[in-house]
Amino acid sequence: DLSDNQIYLTEDKIFIYQHRLLQIHLNNNKISNINNN
C-alpha cells in the first residue's frame, strides 16, 4: 500500500519478482502512464 504519496513513475517490469503479491494500492498518487509492462 503506497497510497497518498507523490508517485508519478513506476519503472517497467519493476514488480517482476513480486510473484506472491495479492494486493497493490497506489491510489491518490500522480501516476499518468501505465502499460503492459
Full PDB file with SEQRES, HELIX, SHEET, SSBOND, CRYST1, ORIGX, SCALE, CONECT and MASTER records, all heavy atoms in Angstrom:
SEQRES   1 A   37  ASP LEU SER ASP ASN GLN ILE TYR LEU THR GLU ASP LYS          
SEQRES   2 A   37  ILE PHE ILE TYR GLN HIS ARG LEU LEU GLN ILE HIS LEU          
SEQRES   3 A   37  ASN ASN ASN LYS ILE SER ASN ILE ASN ASN ASN                  
CRYST1    1.000    1.000    1.000  90.00  90.00  90.00 P 1           1          
ORIGX1      1.000000  0.000000  0.000000        0.00000                         
ORIGX2      0.000000  1.000000  0.000000        0.00000                         
ORIGX3      0.000000  0.000000  1.000000        0.00000                         
SCALE1      1.000000  0.000000  0.000000        0.00000                         
SCALE2      0.000000  1.000000  0.000000        0.00000                         
SCALE3      0.000000  0.000000  1.000000        0.00000                         
ATOM      1  N   ASP A   1       0.854  -1.195   0.000  1.00  0.00           N  
ATOM      2  CA  ASP A   1       0.000   0.000   0.000  1.00  0.00           C  
ATOM      3  C   ASP A   1       0.886   1.240   0.000  1.00  0.00           C  
ATOM      4  O   ASP A   1       1.527   1.557   1.002  1.00  0.00           O  
ATOM      5  CB  ASP A   1      -0.918   0.000   1.220  1.00  0.00           C  
ATOM      6  CG  ASP A   1      -1.977   1.098   1.158  1.00  0.00           C  
ATOM      7  OD1 ASP A   1      -1.835   2.041   0.355  1.00  0.00           O  
ATOM      8  OD2 ASP A   1      -2.947   1.009   1.933  1.00  0.00           O  
ATOM      9  N   LEU A   2       0.942   1.899  -1.149  1.00  0.00           N  
ATOM     10  CA  LEU A   2       1.699   3.140  -1.307  1.00  0.00           C  
ATOM     11  C   LEU A   2       0.748   4.288  -1.623  1.00  0.00           C  
ATOM     12  O   LEU A   2       1.082   5.219  -2.356  1.00  0.00           O  
ATOM     13  CB  LEU A   2       2.748   2.982  -2.419  1.00  0.00           C  
ATOM     14  CG  LEU A   2       3.844   1.949  -2.148  1.00  0.00           C  
ATOM     15  CD1 LEU A   2       4.729   1.766  -3.379  1.00  0.00           C  
ATOM     16  CD2 LEU A   2       4.669   2.312  -0.936  1.00  0.00           C  
ATOM     17  N   SER A   3      -0.433   4.244  -1.056  1.00  0.00           N  
ATOM     18  CA  SER A   3      -1.450   5.273  -1.281  1.00  0.00           C  
ATOM     19  C   SER A   3      -0.989   6.618  -0.744  1.00  0.00           C  
ATOM     20  O   SER A   3      -0.205   6.688   0.204  1.00  0.00           O  
ATOM     21  CB  SER A   3      -2.746   4.898  -0.558  1.00  0.00           C  
ATOM     22  OG  SER A   3      -3.224   3.670  -1.020  1.00  0.00           O  
ATOM     23  N   ASP A   4      -1.524   7.659  -1.336  1.00  0.00           N  
ATOM     24  CA  ASP A   4      -1.325   9.019  -0.844  1.00  0.00           C  
ATOM     25  C   ASP A   4       0.142   9.413  -0.722  1.00  0.00           C  
ATOM     26  O   ASP A   4       0.580   9.959   0.295  1.00  0.00           O  
ATOM     27  CB  ASP A   4      -2.052   9.204   0.499  1.00  0.00           C  
ATOM     28  CG  ASP A   4      -3.545   8.993   0.360  1.00  0.00           C  
ATOM     29  OD1 ASP A   4      -4.202   9.839  -0.259  1.00  0.00           O  
ATOM     30  OD2 ASP A   4      -4.045   7.954   0.837  1.00  0.00           O  
ATOM     31  N   ASN A   5       0.899   9.134  -1.769  1.00  0.00           N  
ATOM     32  CA  ASN A   5       2.276   9.578  -1.888  1.00  0.00           C  
ATOM     33  C   ASN A   5       2.335  10.560  -3.058  1.00  0.00           C  
ATOM     34  O   ASN A   5       1.321  11.161  -3.417  1.00  0.00           O  
ATOM     35  CB  ASN A   5       3.210   8.380  -2.105  1.00  0.00           C  
ATOM     36  CG  ASN A   5       3.599   7.711  -0.801  1.00  0.00           C  
ATOM     37  OD1 ASN A   5       4.480   8.168  -0.093  1.00  0.00           O  
ATOM     38  ND2 ASN A   5       2.930   6.608  -0.466  1.00  0.00           N  
ATOM     39  N   GLN A   6       3.474  10.690  -3.665  1.00  0.00           N  
ATOM     40  CA  GLN A   6       3.656  11.576  -4.824  1.00  0.00           C  
ATOM     41  C   GLN A   6       4.126  10.779  -6.036  1.00  0.00           C  
ATOM     42  O   GLN A   6       4.788  11.326  -6.917  1.00  0.00           O  
ATOM     43  CB  GLN A   6       4.695  12.666  -4.488  1.00  0.00           C  
ATOM     44  CG  GLN A   6       4.369  13.487  -3.260  1.00  0.00           C  
ATOM     45  CD  GLN A   6       3.115  14.306  -3.453  1.00  0.00           C  
ATOM     46  OE1 GLN A   6       2.918  14.917  -4.491  1.00  0.00           O  
ATOM     47  NE2 GLN A   6       2.242  14.303  -2.454  1.00  0.00           N  
ATOM     48  N   ILE A   7       3.786   9.494  -6.082  1.00  0.00           N  
ATOM     49  CA  ILE A   7       4.305   8.609  -7.127  1.00  0.00           C  
ATOM     50  C   ILE A   7       3.803   9.042  -8.494  1.00  0.00           C  
ATOM     51  O   ILE A   7       2.611   9.154  -8.729  1.00  0.00           O  
ATOM     52  CB  ILE A   7       3.909   7.141  -6.855  1.00  0.00           C  
ATOM     53  CG1 ILE A   7       4.519   6.688  -5.533  1.00  0.00           C  
ATOM     54  CG2 ILE A   7       4.346   6.231  -8.006  1.00  0.00           C  
ATOM     55  CD1 ILE A   7       3.996   5.362  -5.030  1.00  0.00           C  
ATOM     56  N   TYR A   8       4.749   9.285  -9.378  1.00  0.00           N  
ATOM     57  CA  TYR A   8       4.403   9.636 -10.750  1.00  0.00           C  
ATOM     58  C   TYR A   8       4.986   8.632 -11.740  1.00  0.00           C  
ATOM     59  O   TYR A   8       4.625   8.631 -12.904  1.00  0.00           O  
ATOM     60  CB  TYR A   8       4.876  11.054 -11.095  1.00  0.00           C  
ATOM     61  CG  TYR A   8       6.381  11.198 -11.187  1.00  0.00           C  
ATOM     62  CD1 TYR A   8       7.038  11.044 -12.409  1.00  0.00           C  
ATOM     63  CD2 TYR A   8       7.151  11.468 -10.064  1.00  0.00           C  
ATOM     64  CE1 TYR A   8       8.408  11.156 -12.492  1.00  0.00           C  
ATOM     65  CE2 TYR A   8       8.514  11.590 -10.143  1.00  0.00           C  
ATOM     66  CZ  TYR A   8       9.149  11.436 -11.363  1.00  0.00           C  
ATOM     67  OH  TYR A   8      10.518  11.543 -11.446  1.00  0.00           O  
ATOM     68  N   LEU A   9       5.880   7.762 -11.259  1.00  0.00           N  
ATOM     69  CA  LEU A   9       6.557   6.843 -12.162  1.00  0.00           C  
ATOM     70  C   LEU A   9       6.735   5.476 -11.514  1.00  0.00           C  
ATOM     71  O   LEU A   9       7.127   5.375 -10.347  1.00  0.00           O  
ATOM     72  CB  LEU A   9       7.943   7.399 -12.532  1.00  0.00           C  
ATOM     73  CG  LEU A   9       8.822   6.546 -13.426  1.00  0.00           C  
ATOM     74  CD1 LEU A   9       8.208   6.408 -14.821  1.00  0.00           C  
ATOM     75  CD2 LEU A   9      10.208   7.146 -13.527  1.00  0.00           C  
ATOM     76  N   THR A  10       6.432   4.449 -12.283  1.00  0.00           N  
ATOM     77  CA  THR A  10       6.789   3.086 -11.905  1.00  0.00           C  
ATOM     78  C   THR A  10       7.609   2.547 -13.063  1.00  0.00           C  
ATOM     79  O   THR A  10       7.179   2.580 -14.206  1.00  0.00           O  
ATOM     80  CB  THR A  10       5.548   2.193 -11.679  1.00  0.00           C  
ATOM     81  OG1 THR A  10       4.779   2.162 -12.868  1.00  0.00           O  
ATOM     82  CG2 THR A  10       4.709   2.692 -10.535  1.00  0.00           C  
ATOM     83  N   GLU A  11       8.793   2.093 -12.778  1.00  0.00           N  
ATOM     84  CA  GLU A  11       9.652   1.554 -13.828  1.00  0.00           C  
ATOM     85  C   GLU A  11       9.004   0.306 -14.430  1.00  0.00           C  
ATOM     86  O   GLU A  11       8.350  -0.451 -13.732  1.00  0.00           O  
ATOM     87  CB  GLU A  11      11.023   1.201 -13.261  1.00  0.00           C  
ATOM     88  CG  GLU A  11      11.812   2.396 -12.757  1.00  0.00           C  
ATOM     89  CD  GLU A  11      13.147   2.005 -12.152  1.00  0.00           C  
ATOM     90  OE1 GLU A  11      13.565   0.835 -12.283  1.00  0.00           O  
ATOM     91  OE2 GLU A  11      13.777   2.884 -11.543  1.00  0.00           O  
ATOM     92  N   ASP A  12       9.194   0.100 -15.730  1.00  0.00           N  
ATOM     93  CA  ASP A  12       8.673  -1.096 -16.377  1.00  0.00           C  
ATOM     94  C   ASP A  12       9.250  -2.347 -15.724  1.00  0.00           C  
ATOM     95  O   ASP A  12      10.418  -2.383 -15.347  1.00  0.00           O  
ATOM     96  CB  ASP A  12       9.031  -1.101 -17.867  1.00  0.00           C  
ATOM     97  CG  ASP A  12       8.090  -0.250 -18.689  1.00  0.00           C  
ATOM     98  OD1 ASP A  12       7.098   0.265 -18.139  1.00  0.00           O  
ATOM     99  OD2 ASP A  12       8.343  -0.087 -19.900  1.00  0.00           O  
ATOM    100  N   LYS A  13       8.414  -3.351 -15.587  1.00  0.00           N  
ATOM    101  CA  LYS A  13       8.790  -4.663 -15.042  1.00  0.00           C  
ATOM    102  C   LYS A  13       9.344  -4.578 -13.622  1.00  0.00           C  
ATOM    103  O   LYS A  13      10.062  -5.462 -13.176  1.00  0.00           O  
ATOM    104  CB  LYS A  13       9.788  -5.370 -15.959  1.00  0.00           C  
ATOM    105  CG  LYS A  13       9.280  -5.590 -17.361  1.00  0.00           C  
ATOM    106  CD  LYS A  13      10.319  -6.256 -18.218  1.00  0.00           C  
ATOM    107  CE  LYS A  13       9.842  -6.350 -19.657  1.00  0.00           C  
ATOM    108  NZ  LYS A  13      10.867  -6.932 -20.530  1.00  0.00           N  
ATOM    109  N   ILE A  14       9.012  -3.540 -12.890  1.00  0.00           N  
ATOM    110  CA  ILE A  14       9.552  -3.345 -11.546  1.00  0.00           C  
ATOM    111  C   ILE A  14       9.038  -4.395 -10.564  1.00  0.00           C  
ATOM    112  O   ILE A  14       9.681  -4.702  -9.574  1.00  0.00           O  
ATOM    113  CB  ILE A  14       9.277  -1.911 -11.044  1.00  0.00           C  
ATOM    114  CG1 ILE A  14      10.247  -1.545  -9.917  1.00  0.00           C  
ATOM    115  CG2 ILE A  14       7.849  -1.733 -10.590  1.00  0.00           C  
ATOM    116  CD1 ILE A  14      11.674  -1.470 -10.324  1.00  0.00           C  
ATOM    117  N   PHE A  15       7.875  -4.979 -10.863  1.00  0.00           N  
ATOM    118  CA  PHE A  15       7.285  -5.972  -9.958  1.00  0.00           C  
ATOM    119  C   PHE A  15       7.586  -7.403 -10.406  1.00  0.00           C  
ATOM    120  O   PHE A  15       6.929  -8.333  -9.974  1.00  0.00           O  
ATOM    121  CB  PHE A  15       5.770  -5.772  -9.887  1.00  0.00           C  
ATOM    122  CG  PHE A  15       5.362  -4.436  -9.319  1.00  0.00           C  
ATOM    123  CD1 PHE A  15       4.772  -3.476 -10.131  1.00  0.00           C  
ATOM    124  CD2 PHE A  15       5.557  -4.141  -7.977  1.00  0.00           C  
ATOM    125  CE1 PHE A  15       4.386  -2.259  -9.614  1.00  0.00           C  
ATOM    126  CE2 PHE A  15       5.171  -2.923  -7.453  1.00  0.00           C  
ATOM    127  CZ  PHE A  15       4.585  -1.974  -8.276  1.00  0.00           C  
ATOM    128  N   ILE A  16       8.576  -7.589 -11.235  1.00  0.00           N  
ATOM    129  CA  ILE A  16       8.862  -8.896 -11.829  1.00  0.00           C  
ATOM    130  C   ILE A  16       9.165  -9.970 -10.777  1.00  0.00           C  
ATOM    131  O   ILE A  16       8.943 -11.155 -11.010  1.00  0.00           O  
ATOM    132  CB  ILE A  16      10.005  -8.786 -12.873  1.00  0.00           C  
ATOM    133  CG1 ILE A  16       9.981  -9.963 -13.828  1.00  0.00           C  
ATOM    134  CG2 ILE A  16      11.350  -8.628 -12.240  1.00  0.00           C  
ATOM    135  CD1 ILE A  16       8.967  -9.859 -14.904  1.00  0.00           C  
ATOM    136  N   TYR A  17       9.650  -9.589  -9.588  1.00  0.00           N  
ATOM    137  CA  TYR A  17       9.972 -10.558  -8.535  1.00  0.00           C  
ATOM    138  C   TYR A  17       8.899 -10.662  -7.463  1.00  0.00           C  
ATOM    139  O   TYR A  17       9.075 -11.354  -6.468  1.00  0.00           O  
ATOM    140  CB  TYR A  17      11.318 -10.219  -7.892  1.00  0.00           C  
ATOM    141  CG  TYR A  17      12.455 -10.285  -8.874  1.00  0.00           C  
ATOM    142  CD1 TYR A  17      13.068  -9.117  -9.321  1.00  0.00           C  
ATOM    143  CD2 TYR A  17      12.892 -11.499  -9.378  1.00  0.00           C  
ATOM    144  CE1 TYR A  17      14.096  -9.165 -10.241  1.00  0.00           C  
ATOM    145  CE2 TYR A  17      13.921 -11.561 -10.306  1.00  0.00           C  
ATOM    146  CZ  TYR A  17      14.521 -10.388 -10.729  1.00  0.00           C  
ATOM    147  OH  TYR A  17      15.534 -10.440 -11.641  1.00  0.00           O  
ATOM    148  N   GLN A  18       7.792  -9.988  -7.649  1.00  0.00           N  
ATOM    149  CA  GLN A  18       6.713  -9.997  -6.661  1.00  0.00           C  
ATOM    150  C   GLN A  18       5.653 -11.040  -7.027  1.00  0.00           C  
ATOM    151  O   GLN A  18       4.481 -10.735  -7.144  1.00  0.00           O  
ATOM    152  CB  GLN A  18       6.072  -8.613  -6.556  1.00  0.00           C  
ATOM    153  CG  GLN A  18       6.670  -7.691  -5.526  1.00  0.00           C  
ATOM    154  CD  GLN A  18       8.156  -7.496  -5.658  1.00  0.00           C  
ATOM    155  OE1 GLN A  18       8.636  -7.105  -6.706  1.00  0.00           O  
ATOM    156  NE2 GLN A  18       8.886  -7.755  -4.599  1.00  0.00           N  
ATOM    157  N   HIS A  19       6.058 -12.289  -7.136  1.00  0.00           N  
ATOM    158  CA  HIS A  19       5.154 -13.372  -7.541  1.00  0.00           C  
ATOM    159  C   HIS A  19       4.064 -13.663  -6.516  1.00  0.00           C  
ATOM    160  O   HIS A  19       3.053 -14.254  -6.852  1.00  0.00           O  
ATOM    161  CB  HIS A  19       5.945 -14.661  -7.791  1.00  0.00           C  
ATOM    162  CG  HIS A  19       7.004 -14.511  -8.828  1.00  0.00           C  
ATOM    163  ND1 HIS A  19       6.719 -14.285 -10.146  1.00  0.00           N  
ATOM    164  CD2 HIS A  19       8.353 -14.523  -8.727  1.00  0.00           C  
ATOM    165  CE1 HIS A  19       7.840 -14.181 -10.832  1.00  0.00           C  
ATOM    166  NE2 HIS A  19       8.855 -14.320  -9.997  1.00  0.00           N  
ATOM    167  N   ARG A  20       4.251 -13.275  -5.270  1.00  0.00           N  
ATOM    168  CA  ARG A  20       3.289 -13.570  -4.210  1.00  0.00           C  
ATOM    169  C   ARG A  20       2.304 -12.430  -3.958  1.00  0.00           C  
ATOM    170  O   ARG A  20       1.353 -12.589  -3.211  1.00  0.00           O  
ATOM    171  CB  ARG A  20       4.031 -13.862  -2.911  1.00  0.00           C  
ATOM    172  CG  ARG A  20       4.894 -15.090  -2.984  1.00  0.00           C  
ATOM    173  CD  ARG A  20       5.696 -15.235  -1.701  1.00  0.00           C  
ATOM    174  NE  ARG A  20       6.516 -16.414  -1.739  1.00  0.00           N  
ATOM    175  CZ  ARG A  20       6.214 -17.552  -1.130  1.00  0.00           C  
ATOM    176  NH1 ARG A  20       5.120 -17.653  -0.433  1.00  0.00           N  
ATOM    177  NH2 ARG A  20       7.013 -18.579  -1.211  1.00  0.00           N  
ATOM    178  N   LEU A  21       2.549 -11.281  -4.570  1.00  0.00           N  
ATOM    179  CA  LEU A  21       1.742 -10.094  -4.297  1.00  0.00           C  
ATOM    180  C   LEU A  21       0.293 -10.294  -4.715  1.00  0.00           C  
ATOM    181  O   LEU A  21      -0.004 -10.658  -5.846  1.00  0.00           O  
ATOM    182  CB  LEU A  21       2.346  -8.898  -5.039  1.00  0.00           C  
ATOM    183  CG  LEU A  21       2.064  -7.518  -4.506  1.00  0.00           C  
ATOM    184  CD1 LEU A  21       2.390  -7.386  -3.042  1.00  0.00           C  
ATOM    185  CD2 LEU A  21       2.831  -6.484  -5.288  1.00  0.00           C  
ATOM    186  N   LEU A  22      -0.620 -10.050  -3.761  1.00  0.00           N  
ATOM    187  CA  LEU A  22      -2.054 -10.211  -3.990  1.00  0.00           C  
ATOM    188  C   LEU A  22      -2.774  -8.866  -4.101  1.00  0.00           C  
ATOM    189  O   LEU A  22      -3.804  -8.776  -4.752  1.00  0.00           O  
ATOM    190  CB  LEU A  22      -2.687 -11.026  -2.854  1.00  0.00           C  
ATOM    191  CG  LEU A  22      -2.165 -12.444  -2.666  1.00  0.00           C  
ATOM    192  CD1 LEU A  22      -2.757 -13.067  -1.406  1.00  0.00           C  
ATOM    193  CD2 LEU A  22      -2.470 -13.298  -3.881  1.00  0.00           C  
ATOM    194  N   GLN A  23      -2.237  -7.839  -3.441  1.00  0.00           N  
ATOM    195  CA  GLN A  23      -2.888  -6.522  -3.425  1.00  0.00           C  
ATOM    196  C   GLN A  23      -1.868  -5.418  -3.631  1.00  0.00           C  
ATOM    197  O   GLN A  23      -0.815  -5.433  -2.978  1.00  0.00           O  
ATOM    198  CB  GLN A  23      -3.560  -6.245  -2.080  1.00  0.00           C  
ATOM    199  CG  GLN A  23      -4.665  -7.155  -1.694  1.00  0.00           C  
ATOM    200  CD  GLN A  23      -5.228  -6.739  -0.334  1.00  0.00           C  
ATOM    201  OE1 GLN A  23      -5.293  -5.561   0.005  1.00  0.00           O  
ATOM    202  NE2 GLN A  23      -5.637  -7.716   0.450  1.00  0.00           N  
ATOM    203  N   ILE A  24      -2.225  -4.461  -4.492  1.00  0.00           N  
ATOM    204  CA  ILE A  24      -1.445  -3.230  -4.639  1.00  0.00           C  
ATOM    205  C   ILE A  24      -2.412  -2.068  -4.561  1.00  0.00           C  
ATOM    206  O   ILE A  24      -3.405  -2.025  -5.296  1.00  0.00           O  
ATOM    207  CB  ILE A  24      -0.690  -3.152  -5.986  1.00  0.00           C  
ATOM    208  CG1 ILE A  24       0.372  -4.226  -6.084  1.00  0.00           C  
ATOM    209  CG2 ILE A  24      -0.042  -1.782  -6.137  1.00  0.00           C  
ATOM    210  CD1 ILE A  24       1.181  -4.156  -7.360  1.00  0.00           C  
ATOM    211  N   HIS A  25      -2.085  -1.128  -3.681  1.00  0.00           N  
ATOM    212  CA  HIS A  25      -2.883   0.087  -3.542  1.00  0.00           C  
ATOM    213  C   HIS A  25      -1.981   1.270  -3.881  1.00  0.00           C  
ATOM    214  O   HIS A  25      -1.064   1.601  -3.129  1.00  0.00           O  
ATOM    215  CB  HIS A  25      -3.426   0.206  -2.113  1.00  0.00           C  
ATOM    216  CG  HIS A  25      -4.290  -0.954  -1.735  1.00  0.00           C  
ATOM    217  ND1 HIS A  25      -5.629  -1.007  -2.048  1.00  0.00           N  
ATOM    218  CD2 HIS A  25      -3.997  -2.119  -1.102  1.00  0.00           C  
ATOM    219  CE1 HIS A  25      -6.131  -2.155  -1.612  1.00  0.00           C  
ATOM    220  NE2 HIS A  25      -5.157  -2.848  -1.035  1.00  0.00           N  
ATOM    221  N   LEU A  26      -2.229   1.872  -5.032  1.00  0.00           N  
ATOM    222  CA  LEU A  26      -1.467   3.031  -5.500  1.00  0.00           C  
ATOM    223  C   LEU A  26      -2.393   4.234  -5.661  1.00  0.00           C  
ATOM    224  O   LEU A  26      -2.108   5.146  -6.433  1.00  0.00           O  
ATOM    225  CB  LEU A  26      -0.789   2.704  -6.842  1.00  0.00           C  
ATOM    226  CG  LEU A  26       0.271   1.602  -6.796  1.00  0.00           C  
ATOM    227  CD1 LEU A  26       0.719   1.218  -8.199  1.00  0.00           C  
ATOM    228  CD2 LEU A  26       1.455   2.040  -5.955  1.00  0.00           C  
ATOM    229  N   ASN A  27      -3.495   4.228  -4.951  1.00  0.00           N  
ATOM    230  CA  ASN A  27      -4.479   5.291  -5.104  1.00  0.00           C  
ATOM    231  C   ASN A  27      -3.947   6.617  -4.556  1.00  0.00           C  
ATOM    232  O   ASN A  27      -3.084   6.662  -3.693  1.00  0.00           O  
ATOM    233  CB  ASN A  27      -5.808   4.920  -4.440  1.00  0.00           C  
ATOM    234  CG  ASN A  27      -5.659   4.302  -3.076  1.00  0.00           C  
ATOM    235  OD1 ASN A  27      -4.989   3.291  -2.911  1.00  0.00           O  
ATOM    236  ND2 ASN A  27      -6.283   4.910  -2.087  1.00  0.00           N  
ATOM    237  N   ASN A  28      -4.490   7.685  -5.123  1.00  0.00           N  
ATOM    238  CA  ASN A  28      -4.152   9.057  -4.732  1.00  0.00           C  
ATOM    239  C   ASN A  28      -2.662   9.360  -4.871  1.00  0.00           C  
ATOM    240  O   ASN A  28      -2.007   9.799  -3.929  1.00  0.00           O  
ATOM    241  CB  ASN A  28      -4.651   9.359  -3.318  1.00  0.00           C  
ATOM    242  CG  ASN A  28      -6.147   9.168  -3.206  1.00  0.00           C  
ATOM    243  OD1 ASN A  28      -6.891   9.586  -4.085  1.00  0.00           O  
ATOM    244  ND2 ASN A  28      -6.591   8.518  -2.158  1.00  0.00           N  
ATOM    245  N   ASN A  29      -2.148   9.113  -6.044  1.00  0.00           N  
ATOM    246  CA  ASN A  29      -0.782   9.456  -6.406  1.00  0.00           C  
ATOM    247  C   ASN A  29      -0.832  10.321  -7.665  1.00  0.00           C  
ATOM    248  O   ASN A  29      -1.858  10.948  -7.934  1.00  0.00           O  
ATOM    249  CB  ASN A  29       0.052   8.186  -6.606  1.00  0.00           C  
ATOM    250  CG  ASN A  29       0.552   7.623  -5.293  1.00  0.00           C  
ATOM    251  OD1 ASN A  29       1.421   8.187  -4.655  1.00  0.00           O  
ATOM    252  ND2 ASN A  29      -0.018   6.493  -4.873  1.00  0.00           N  
ATOM    253  N   LYS A  30       0.235  10.340  -8.432  1.00  0.00           N  
ATOM    254  CA  LYS A  30       0.306  11.176  -9.637  1.00  0.00           C  
ATOM    255  C   LYS A  30       0.676  10.349 -10.868  1.00  0.00           C  
ATOM    256  O   LYS A  30       1.295  10.851 -11.791  1.00  0.00           O  
ATOM    257  CB  LYS A  30       1.312  12.302  -9.427  1.00  0.00           C  
ATOM    258  CG  LYS A  30       0.908  13.239  -8.308  1.00  0.00           C  
ATOM    259  CD  LYS A  30       1.915  14.339  -8.108  1.00  0.00           C  
ATOM    260  CE  LYS A  30       1.437  15.269  -7.000  1.00  0.00           C  
ATOM    261  NZ  LYS A  30       2.360  16.374  -6.791  1.00  0.00           N  
ATOM    262  N   ILE A  31       0.278   9.091 -10.868  1.00  0.00           N  
ATOM    263  CA  ILE A  31       0.617   8.193 -11.974  1.00  0.00           C  
ATOM    264  C   ILE A  31      -0.203   8.596 -13.200  1.00  0.00           C  
ATOM    265  O   ILE A  31      -1.419   8.687 -13.132  1.00  0.00           O  
ATOM    266  CB  ILE A  31       0.333   6.724 -11.592  1.00  0.00           C  
ATOM    267  CG1 ILE A  31       1.195   6.335 -10.386  1.00  0.00           C  
ATOM    268  CG2 ILE A  31       0.575   5.796 -12.774  1.00  0.00           C  
ATOM    269  CD1 ILE A  31       0.812   5.020  -9.741  1.00  0.00           C  
ATOM    270  N   SER A  32       0.488   8.820 -14.304  1.00  0.00           N  
ATOM    271  CA  SER A  32      -0.216   9.221 -15.522  1.00  0.00           C  
ATOM    272  C   SER A  32      -0.113   8.183 -16.624  1.00  0.00           C  
ATOM    273  O   SER A  32      -0.910   8.201 -17.555  1.00  0.00           O  
ATOM    274  CB  SER A  32       0.319  10.568 -16.032  1.00  0.00           C  
ATOM    275  OG  SER A  32       1.697  10.458 -16.336  1.00  0.00           O  
ATOM    276  N   ASN A  33       0.841   7.286 -16.524  1.00  0.00           N  
ATOM    277  CA  ASN A  33       1.053   6.336 -17.604  1.00  0.00           C  
ATOM    278  C   ASN A  33       1.237   4.924 -17.053  1.00  0.00           C  
ATOM    279  O   ASN A  33       2.069   4.692 -16.183  1.00  0.00           O  
ATOM    280  CB  ASN A  33       2.295   6.740 -18.410  1.00  0.00           C  
ATOM    281  CG  ASN A  33       2.508   5.850 -19.608  1.00  0.00           C  
ATOM    282  OD1 ASN A  33       1.561   5.393 -20.224  1.00  0.00           O  
ATOM    283  ND2 ASN A  33       3.754   5.599 -19.936  1.00  0.00           N  
ATOM    284  N   ILE A  34       0.443   3.995 -17.558  1.00  0.00           N  
ATOM    285  CA  ILE A  34       0.638   2.573 -17.280  1.00  0.00           C  
ATOM    286  C   ILE A  34       0.615   1.847 -18.613  1.00  0.00           C  
ATOM    287  O   ILE A  34      -0.052   2.276 -19.557  1.00  0.00           O  
ATOM    288  CB  ILE A  34      -0.428   1.987 -16.315  1.00  0.00           C  
ATOM    289  CG1 ILE A  34      -1.832   2.190 -16.853  1.00  0.00           C  
ATOM    290  CG2 ILE A  34      -0.270   2.595 -14.927  1.00  0.00           C  
ATOM    291  CD1 ILE A  34      -2.921   1.514 -16.026  1.00  0.00           C  
ATOM    292  N   ASN A  35       1.381   0.765 -18.716  1.00  0.00           N  
ATOM    293  CA  ASN A  35       1.413  -0.007 -19.960  1.00  0.00           C  
ATOM    294  C   ASN A  35       1.474  -1.491 -19.625  1.00  0.00           C  
ATOM    295  O   ASN A  35       1.426  -1.869 -18.458  1.00  0.00           O  
ATOM    296  CB  ASN A  35       2.593   0.440 -20.844  1.00  0.00           C  
ATOM    297  CG  ASN A  35       3.932   0.203 -20.171  1.00  0.00           C  
ATOM    298  OD1 ASN A  35       4.246  -0.906 -19.750  1.00  0.00           O  
ATOM    299  ND2 ASN A  35       4.745   1.248 -20.065  1.00  0.00           N  
ATOM    300  N   ASN A  36       1.607  -2.323 -20.639  1.00  0.00           N  
ATOM    301  CA  ASN A  36       1.560  -3.772 -20.408  1.00  0.00           C  
ATOM    302  C   ASN A  36       2.794  -4.315 -19.684  1.00  0.00           C  
ATOM    303  O   ASN A  36       2.833  -5.481 -19.332  1.00  0.00           O  
ATOM    304  CB  ASN A  36       1.298  -4.527 -21.710  1.00  0.00           C  
ATOM    305  CG  ASN A  36       2.393  -4.313 -22.728  1.00  0.00           C  
ATOM    306  OD1 ASN A  36       3.246  -3.444 -22.590  1.00  0.00           O  
ATOM    307  ND2 ASN A  36       2.368  -5.101 -23.779  1.00  0.00           N  
ATOM    308  N   ASN A  37       3.801  -3.493 -19.434  1.00  0.00           N  
ATOM    309  CA  ASN A  37       4.962  -3.909 -18.643  1.00  0.00           C  
ATOM    310  C   ASN A  37       4.939  -3.371 -17.220  1.00  0.00           C  
ATOM    311  O   ASN A  37       5.749  -3.760 -16.396  1.00  0.00           O  
ATOM    312  CB  ASN A  37       6.262  -3.470 -19.319  1.00  0.00           C  
ATOM    313  CG  ASN A  37       6.600  -4.344 -20.501  1.00  0.00           C  
ATOM    314  OD1 ASN A  37       6.454  -5.553 -20.445  1.00  0.00           O  
ATOM    315  ND2 ASN A  37       7.037  -3.726 -21.580  1.00  0.00           N  
TER     316      ASN A  37                                                      
MASTER        0    0    0    0    0    0    0    6  315    1    0    3          
END                                                                             
